[in-house]
Amino acid sequence: MVRQVIARIPTAARQVAILLTNDAEMRAMNRRFRGFDRPTDVLSFPAGTGVAGAAGHLGDIAISVEGAARQARKARWGTQEEIQFLVLHGLLHRLGFDPETDEGEMERLQSLWVRRLWGRKTPSSRRGPAQRKSRKERRGGD
């Protein structure tokens, strides 16, 4: 799945390291690197902060399997699909997308890849604010 996404997006870096871990380790990493003392489902790190000096390395992605299992239940899909979704999410961050600042571009790409890879829509619990807006709100009026 990572290869499919990277192959279609122009970037010289073609490798990522993926860590599957638990909530306790994710909490420690989230506290250390982001200042939030709570577990999170996924973190991504640019090249040089993880596997330092590796040529062609895009960065690192850490995923809580426990967090993924919880999110999967909410999304009503399997834990494996949720882990793949989190890899995709982390990968898009490593490619420079940020749902807080990119006006919905990352969310659109996530939805596109979910349709391409699994032939389904992104579950509503996994959509961001830009995708949850009604058509009326997106058009800007009545």
N, C-alpha and C. Protein backbone atom coordinates (compact mmCIF):
# COMPACT_ATOMS: atom_id res chain seq x y z
N MET A 1 0.82 -1.18 0.00
CA MET A 1 0.00 0.00 0.00
C MET A 1 0.87 1.25 0.00
N VAL A 2 1.90 1.29 0.82
CA VAL A 2 2.81 2.44 0.86
C VAL A 2 3.44 2.64 -0.51
N ARG A 3 3.88 1.57 -1.12
CA ARG A 3 4.51 1.67 -2.45
C ARG A 3 3.54 2.25 -3.47
N GLN A 4 2.27 1.83 -3.42
CA GLN A 4 1.28 2.34 -4.37
C GLN A 4 1.10 3.84 -4.22
N VAL A 5 1.04 4.32 -3.00
CA VAL A 5 0.83 5.75 -2.77
C VAL A 5 2.07 6.54 -3.19
N ILE A 6 3.24 6.12 -2.71
CA ILE A 6 4.48 6.85 -3.03
C ILE A 6 4.74 6.85 -4.54
N ALA A 7 4.43 5.75 -5.21
CA ALA A 7 4.68 5.66 -6.65
C ALA A 7 3.90 6.70 -7.43
N ARG A 8 2.78 7.14 -6.91
CA ARG A 8 1.94 8.10 -7.63
C ARG A 8 2.14 9.54 -7.20
N ILE A 9 2.98 9.76 -6.21
CA ILE A 9 3.23 11.12 -5.74
C ILE A 9 4.69 11.44 -5.97
N PRO A 10 4.98 12.56 -6.64
CA PRO A 10 6.37 12.88 -6.95
C PRO A 10 7.19 13.18 -5.69
N THR A 11 8.13 12.33 -5.41
CA THR A 11 9.06 12.52 -4.31
C THR A 11 10.29 11.65 -4.57
N ALA A 12 11.44 12.16 -4.20
CA ALA A 12 12.68 11.39 -4.39
C ALA A 12 12.80 10.33 -3.31
N ALA A 13 12.29 10.60 -2.11
CA ALA A 13 12.36 9.65 -1.00
C ALA A 13 11.31 8.56 -1.21
N ARG A 14 11.72 7.33 -1.13
CA ARG A 14 10.82 6.21 -1.40
C ARG A 14 10.71 5.21 -0.26
N GLN A 15 11.25 5.53 0.91
CA GLN A 15 11.22 4.59 2.02
C GLN A 15 10.66 5.25 3.27
N VAL A 16 9.90 4.47 4.05
CA VAL A 16 9.45 4.90 5.37
C VAL A 16 9.67 3.74 6.33
N ALA A 17 9.91 4.07 7.58
CA ALA A 17 9.96 3.06 8.63
C ALA A 17 8.64 3.13 9.38
N ILE A 18 8.06 1.96 9.67
CA ILE A 18 6.77 1.91 10.36
C ILE A 18 6.95 1.12 11.65
N LEU A 19 6.57 1.73 12.76
CA LEU A 19 6.61 1.10 14.06
C LEU A 19 5.18 0.82 14.51
N LEU A 20 4.87 -0.45 14.78
CA LEU A 20 3.59 -0.81 15.38
C LEU A 20 3.85 -1.04 16.86
N THR A 21 3.13 -0.31 17.71
CA THR A 21 3.43 -0.33 19.13
C THR A 21 2.14 -0.29 19.94
N ASN A 22 2.24 0.06 21.22
CA ASN A 22 1.07 0.11 22.09
C ASN A 22 0.81 1.53 22.57
N ASP A 23 -0.30 1.70 23.30
CA ASP A 23 -0.68 3.03 23.79
C ASP A 23 0.37 3.63 24.73
N ALA A 24 0.97 2.81 25.58
CA ALA A 24 1.94 3.34 26.54
C ALA A 24 3.13 3.98 25.82
N GLU A 25 3.65 3.30 24.81
CA GLU A 25 4.78 3.86 24.06
C GLU A 25 4.35 5.09 23.26
N MET A 26 3.15 5.05 22.69
CA MET A 26 2.67 6.21 21.93
C MET A 26 2.48 7.41 22.85
N ARG A 27 2.00 7.15 24.07
CA ARG A 27 1.85 8.25 25.03
C ARG A 27 3.21 8.87 25.34
N ALA A 28 4.21 8.03 25.56
CA ALA A 28 5.56 8.53 25.84
C ALA A 28 6.10 9.34 24.67
N MET A 29 5.90 8.86 23.45
CA MET A 29 6.38 9.59 22.27
C MET A 29 5.61 10.89 22.08
N ASN A 30 4.30 10.85 22.28
CA ASN A 30 3.48 12.04 22.13
C ASN A 30 3.88 13.10 23.15
N ARG A 31 4.18 12.67 24.37
CA ARG A 31 4.64 13.59 25.42
C ARG A 31 6.01 14.18 25.06
N ARG A 32 6.91 13.31 24.62
CA ARG A 32 8.28 13.75 24.32
C ARG A 32 8.35 14.68 23.11
N PHE A 33 7.66 14.32 22.04
CA PHE A 33 7.81 15.05 20.78
C PHE A 33 6.77 16.14 20.55
N ARG A 34 5.60 16.02 21.19
CA ARG A 34 4.54 17.01 20.93
C ARG A 34 4.07 17.73 22.17
N GLY A 35 4.48 17.24 23.35
CA GLY A 35 4.08 17.89 24.59
C GLY A 35 2.68 17.54 25.06
N PHE A 36 2.07 16.48 24.49
CA PHE A 36 0.75 16.04 24.89
C PHE A 36 0.88 14.75 25.69
N ASP A 37 0.42 14.75 26.94
CA ASP A 37 0.57 13.59 27.81
C ASP A 37 -0.64 12.66 27.68
N ARG A 38 -0.79 12.10 26.49
CA ARG A 38 -1.86 11.14 26.22
C ARG A 38 -1.46 10.30 25.02
N PRO A 39 -2.01 9.11 24.93
CA PRO A 39 -1.69 8.30 23.74
C PRO A 39 -2.38 8.90 22.51
N THR A 40 -1.86 8.60 21.37
CA THR A 40 -2.48 8.98 20.11
C THR A 40 -2.40 7.78 19.18
N ASP A 41 -3.17 7.79 18.12
CA ASP A 41 -3.20 6.62 17.24
C ASP A 41 -2.02 6.58 16.27
N VAL A 42 -1.54 7.75 15.82
CA VAL A 42 -0.45 7.77 14.84
C VAL A 42 0.41 9.01 15.04
N LEU A 43 1.70 8.85 14.87
CA LEU A 43 2.65 9.95 14.83
C LEU A 43 3.54 9.74 13.62
N SER A 44 3.95 10.83 13.01
CA SER A 44 4.90 10.71 11.89
C SER A 44 6.05 11.68 12.13
N PHE A 45 7.22 11.24 11.72
CA PHE A 45 8.45 12.00 11.96
C PHE A 45 9.19 12.18 10.64
N PRO A 46 9.69 13.38 10.36
CA PRO A 46 10.46 13.59 9.14
C PRO A 46 11.78 12.83 9.18
N ALA A 47 12.33 12.57 8.01
CA ALA A 47 13.64 11.92 7.92
C ALA A 47 14.65 12.74 8.70
N GLY A 48 15.56 12.04 9.35
CA GLY A 48 16.57 12.72 10.14
C GLY A 48 16.24 12.73 11.62
N THR A 49 14.95 12.55 11.97
CA THR A 49 14.59 12.50 13.39
C THR A 49 14.44 11.06 13.84
N GLY A 50 14.43 10.14 12.91
CA GLY A 50 14.30 8.72 13.24
C GLY A 50 15.50 7.97 12.72
N VAL A 51 15.37 7.39 11.54
CA VAL A 51 16.46 6.66 10.92
C VAL A 51 17.37 7.69 10.25
N ALA A 52 18.28 8.23 11.02
CA ALA A 52 19.11 9.35 10.56
C ALA A 52 20.04 8.94 9.44
N GLY A 53 20.09 9.77 8.42
CA GLY A 53 21.07 9.62 7.37
C GLY A 53 20.75 8.59 6.30
N ALA A 54 19.62 7.94 6.36
CA ALA A 54 19.31 6.93 5.36
C ALA A 54 18.91 7.60 4.04
N ALA A 55 19.63 7.29 2.97
CA ALA A 55 19.33 7.87 1.66
C ALA A 55 17.96 7.42 1.20
N GLY A 56 17.17 8.33 0.68
CA GLY A 56 15.85 8.01 0.16
C GLY A 56 14.81 7.78 1.24
N HIS A 57 15.13 8.13 2.48
CA HIS A 57 14.20 7.90 3.60
C HIS A 57 13.28 9.10 3.76
N LEU A 58 11.98 8.87 3.67
CA LEU A 58 10.97 9.92 3.78
C LEU A 58 10.69 10.27 5.24
N GLY A 59 10.77 9.29 6.12
CA GLY A 59 10.50 9.52 7.53
C GLY A 59 10.00 8.27 8.21
N ASP A 60 9.51 8.44 9.42
CA ASP A 60 9.04 7.33 10.25
C ASP A 60 7.58 7.54 10.61
N ILE A 61 6.85 6.43 10.75
CA ILE A 61 5.45 6.46 11.16
C ILE A 61 5.30 5.49 12.32
N ALA A 62 4.74 5.96 13.43
CA ALA A 62 4.47 5.11 14.59
C ALA A 62 2.96 5.00 14.76
N ILE A 63 2.49 3.78 15.00
CA ILE A 63 1.06 3.52 15.12
C ILE A 63 0.79 2.69 16.37
N SER A 64 -0.20 3.11 17.14
CA SER A 64 -0.66 2.32 18.28
C SER A 64 -1.67 1.29 17.77
N VAL A 65 -1.34 0.02 17.91
CA VAL A 65 -2.27 -1.04 17.50
C VAL A 65 -3.52 -0.99 18.37
N GLU A 66 -3.34 -0.69 19.67
CA GLU A 66 -4.50 -0.56 20.56
C GLU A 66 -5.40 0.59 20.12
N GLY A 67 -4.79 1.72 19.79
CA GLY A 67 -5.56 2.87 19.31
C GLY A 67 -6.24 2.56 17.99
N ALA A 68 -5.55 1.85 17.12
CA ALA A 68 -6.14 1.47 15.83
C ALA A 68 -7.34 0.57 16.03
N ALA A 69 -7.27 -0.36 16.97
CA ALA A 69 -8.40 -1.25 17.23
C ALA A 69 -9.61 -0.46 17.72
N ARG A 70 -9.38 0.52 18.59
CA ARG A 70 -10.50 1.36 19.06
C ARG A 70 -11.11 2.15 17.91
N GLN A 71 -10.25 2.76 17.09
CA GLN A 71 -10.74 3.56 15.96
C GLN A 71 -11.47 2.68 14.94
N ALA A 72 -10.98 1.47 14.75
CA ALA A 72 -11.61 0.54 13.79
C ALA A 72 -13.05 0.24 14.21
N ARG A 73 -13.25 0.03 15.50
CA ARG A 73 -14.62 -0.24 15.97
C ARG A 73 -15.54 0.94 15.67
N LYS A 74 -15.06 2.15 15.92
CA LYS A 74 -15.87 3.35 15.64
C LYS A 74 -16.15 3.49 14.15
N ALA A 75 -15.14 3.16 13.34
CA ALA A 75 -15.28 3.31 11.88
C ALA A 75 -16.04 2.16 11.24
N ARG A 76 -16.22 1.07 12.01
CA ARG A 76 -16.90 -0.13 11.52
C ARG A 76 -16.15 -0.76 10.35
N TRP A 77 -14.83 -0.85 10.53
CA TRP A 77 -14.02 -1.62 9.60
C TRP A 77 -12.98 -2.36 10.42
N GLY A 78 -12.20 -3.21 9.79
CA GLY A 78 -11.25 -4.03 10.52
C GLY A 78 -10.04 -3.26 11.02
N THR A 79 -9.39 -3.84 12.04
CA THR A 79 -8.18 -3.22 12.59
C THR A 79 -7.11 -3.11 11.52
N GLN A 80 -7.00 -4.11 10.66
CA GLN A 80 -6.00 -4.05 9.59
C GLN A 80 -6.26 -2.86 8.66
N GLU A 81 -7.52 -2.64 8.31
CA GLU A 81 -7.85 -1.48 7.47
C GLU A 81 -7.51 -0.18 8.20
N GLU A 82 -7.78 -0.12 9.48
CA GLU A 82 -7.47 1.09 10.24
C GLU A 82 -5.97 1.33 10.30
N ILE A 83 -5.20 0.28 10.50
CA ILE A 83 -3.74 0.44 10.51
C ILE A 83 -3.27 0.95 9.15
N GLN A 84 -3.82 0.39 8.08
CA GLN A 84 -3.45 0.87 6.75
C GLN A 84 -3.86 2.33 6.57
N PHE A 85 -5.03 2.70 7.07
CA PHE A 85 -5.48 4.08 7.00
C PHE A 85 -4.51 5.00 7.76
N LEU A 86 -4.06 4.55 8.92
CA LEU A 86 -3.13 5.36 9.71
C LEU A 86 -1.77 5.46 9.03
N VAL A 87 -1.34 4.40 8.36
CA VAL A 87 -0.10 4.47 7.57
C VAL A 87 -0.28 5.51 6.47
N LEU A 88 -1.41 5.46 5.77
CA LEU A 88 -1.70 6.44 4.73
C LEU A 88 -1.69 7.85 5.31
N HIS A 89 -2.34 8.04 6.44
CA HIS A 89 -2.39 9.35 7.09
C HIS A 89 -0.98 9.85 7.42
N GLY A 90 -0.18 8.99 8.03
CA GLY A 90 1.20 9.36 8.37
C GLY A 90 2.03 9.64 7.13
N LEU A 91 1.83 8.84 6.10
CA LEU A 91 2.56 9.03 4.85
C LEU A 91 2.23 10.37 4.21
N LEU A 92 0.96 10.72 4.19
CA LEU A 92 0.57 12.02 3.63
C LEU A 92 1.18 13.17 4.43
N HIS A 93 1.25 13.01 5.75
CA HIS A 93 1.96 14.03 6.55
C HIS A 93 3.41 14.13 6.10
N ARG A 94 4.07 13.00 5.90
CA ARG A 94 5.47 13.01 5.49
C ARG A 94 5.64 13.62 4.10
N LEU A 95 4.61 13.60 3.30
CA LEU A 95 4.66 14.20 1.97
C LEU A 95 4.30 15.69 2.00
N GLY A 96 4.06 16.21 3.21
CA GLY A 96 3.84 17.65 3.35
C GLY A 96 2.41 18.10 3.54
N PHE A 97 1.47 17.18 3.64
CA PHE A 97 0.07 17.57 3.82
C PHE A 97 -0.23 17.73 5.31
N ASP A 98 -1.15 18.65 5.61
CA ASP A 98 -1.53 18.91 7.00
C ASP A 98 -3.00 19.32 7.00
N PRO A 99 -3.88 18.51 7.59
CA PRO A 99 -5.31 18.81 7.55
C PRO A 99 -5.68 20.12 8.26
N GLU A 100 -4.79 20.61 9.11
CA GLU A 100 -5.07 21.86 9.83
C GLU A 100 -4.84 23.09 8.96
N THR A 101 -4.04 22.92 7.88
CA THR A 101 -3.67 24.10 7.09
C THR A 101 -3.89 23.96 5.59
N ASP A 102 -4.22 22.77 5.09
CA ASP A 102 -4.24 22.59 3.63
C ASP A 102 -5.62 22.66 2.99
N GLU A 103 -6.59 23.23 3.69
CA GLU A 103 -7.93 23.45 3.15
C GLU A 103 -8.59 22.19 2.62
N GLY A 104 -8.38 21.07 3.30
CA GLY A 104 -9.07 19.83 2.95
C GLY A 104 -8.36 18.94 1.95
N GLU A 105 -7.18 19.35 1.46
CA GLU A 105 -6.47 18.56 0.45
C GLU A 105 -6.08 17.18 0.99
N MET A 106 -5.57 17.12 2.20
CA MET A 106 -5.17 15.83 2.77
C MET A 106 -6.38 14.91 2.93
N GLU A 107 -7.47 15.46 3.39
CA GLU A 107 -8.70 14.65 3.54
C GLU A 107 -9.18 14.12 2.20
N ARG A 108 -9.12 14.95 1.16
CA ARG A 108 -9.54 14.50 -0.17
C ARG A 108 -8.64 13.37 -0.66
N LEU A 109 -7.34 13.51 -0.44
CA LEU A 109 -6.41 12.45 -0.85
C LEU A 109 -6.65 11.16 -0.06
N GLN A 110 -6.90 11.28 1.23
CA GLN A 110 -7.21 10.08 2.02
C GLN A 110 -8.44 9.38 1.47
N SER A 111 -9.48 10.14 1.19
CA SER A 111 -10.71 9.54 0.65
C SER A 111 -10.47 8.89 -0.71
N LEU A 112 -9.69 9.55 -1.55
CA LEU A 112 -9.35 9.00 -2.85
C LEU A 112 -8.64 7.66 -2.70
N TRP A 113 -7.66 7.60 -1.79
CA TRP A 113 -6.89 6.36 -1.60
C TRP A 113 -7.72 5.26 -0.94
N VAL A 114 -8.61 5.62 -0.05
CA VAL A 114 -9.50 4.60 0.53
C VAL A 114 -10.36 3.99 -0.57
N ARG A 115 -10.88 4.83 -1.45
CA ARG A 115 -11.68 4.30 -2.58
C ARG A 115 -10.82 3.43 -3.49
N ARG A 116 -9.60 3.88 -3.82
CA ARG A 116 -8.72 3.11 -4.71
C ARG A 116 -8.29 1.78 -4.09
N LEU A 117 -7.91 1.82 -2.83
CA LEU A 117 -7.35 0.63 -2.20
C LEU A 117 -8.39 -0.36 -1.71
N TRP A 118 -9.51 0.16 -1.19
CA TRP A 118 -10.50 -0.74 -0.60
C TRP A 118 -11.86 -0.69 -1.29
N GLY A 119 -12.02 0.19 -2.28
CA GLY A 119 -13.27 0.27 -3.01
C GLY A 119 -14.45 0.70 -2.16
N ARG A 120 -14.21 1.58 -1.21
CA ARG A 120 -15.29 2.04 -0.34
C ARG A 120 -15.07 3.48 0.07
N LYS A 121 -16.09 4.08 0.65
CA LYS A 121 -15.97 5.44 1.17
C LYS A 121 -15.26 5.41 2.52
N THR A 122 -14.62 6.51 2.84
CA THR A 122 -14.01 6.65 4.16
C THR A 122 -15.13 6.73 5.19
N PRO A 123 -15.07 5.93 6.25
CA PRO A 123 -16.11 6.00 7.29
C PRO A 123 -16.21 7.41 7.86
N SER A 124 -17.42 7.82 8.20
CA SER A 124 -17.62 9.20 8.68
C SER A 124 -16.80 9.50 9.92
N SER A 125 -16.55 8.50 10.76
CA SER A 125 -15.76 8.76 11.97
C SER A 125 -14.29 9.04 11.64
N ARG A 126 -13.85 8.74 10.41
CA ARG A 126 -12.46 8.96 10.01
C ARG A 126 -12.33 10.15 9.07
N ARG A 127 -13.43 10.85 8.80
CA ARG A 127 -13.38 12.04 7.95
C ARG A 127 -13.13 13.26 8.82
N GLY A 128 -12.40 14.19 8.27
CA GLY A 128 -12.12 15.43 8.98
C GLY A 128 -13.22 16.45 8.77
N PRO A 129 -13.07 17.62 9.36
CA PRO A 129 -14.11 18.65 9.28
C PRO A 129 -14.44 19.09 7.87
N ALA A 130 -13.47 19.15 6.98
CA ALA A 130 -13.74 19.61 5.61
C ALA A 130 -14.68 18.66 4.89
N GLN A 131 -14.59 17.36 5.17
CA GLN A 131 -15.46 16.40 4.50
C GLN A 131 -16.80 16.24 5.18
N ARG A 132 -16.91 16.69 6.43
CA ARG A 132 -18.18 16.56 7.14
C ARG A 132 -19.12 17.71 6.84
N LYS A 133 -18.61 18.79 6.26
CA LYS A 133 -19.47 19.92 5.93
C LYS A 133 -20.51 19.49 4.90
N SER A 134 -21.67 20.09 5.01
CA SER A 134 -22.72 19.80 4.04
C SER A 134 -22.38 20.47 2.70
N ARG A 135 -23.03 20.02 1.66
CA ARG A 135 -22.84 20.65 0.34
C ARG A 135 -23.17 22.13 0.41
N LYS A 136 -24.23 22.45 1.12
CA LYS A 136 -24.66 23.82 1.27
C LYS A 136 -23.56 24.68 1.90
N GLU A 137 -22.93 24.16 2.96
CA GLU A 137 -21.84 24.89 3.62
C GLU A 137 -20.64 25.05 2.68
N ARG A 138 -20.33 24.01 1.89
CA ARG A 138 -19.18 24.09 1.00
C ARG A 138 -19.42 25.09 -0.12
N ARG A 139 -20.67 25.23 -0.57
CA ARG A 139 -20.99 26.19 -1.61
C ARG A 139 -21.01 27.61 -1.08
N GLY A 140 -21.11 27.73 0.24
CA GLY A 140 -21.03 29.06 0.85
C GLY A 140 -22.36 29.78 0.98
N GLY A 141 -23.42 29.07 1.14
CA GLY A 141 -24.65 29.83 1.36
C GLY A 141 -25.88 28.99 1.28
N ASP A 142 -27.01 29.69 1.04
CA ASP A 142 -28.33 29.07 1.06
C ASP A 142 -28.61 28.20 -0.09
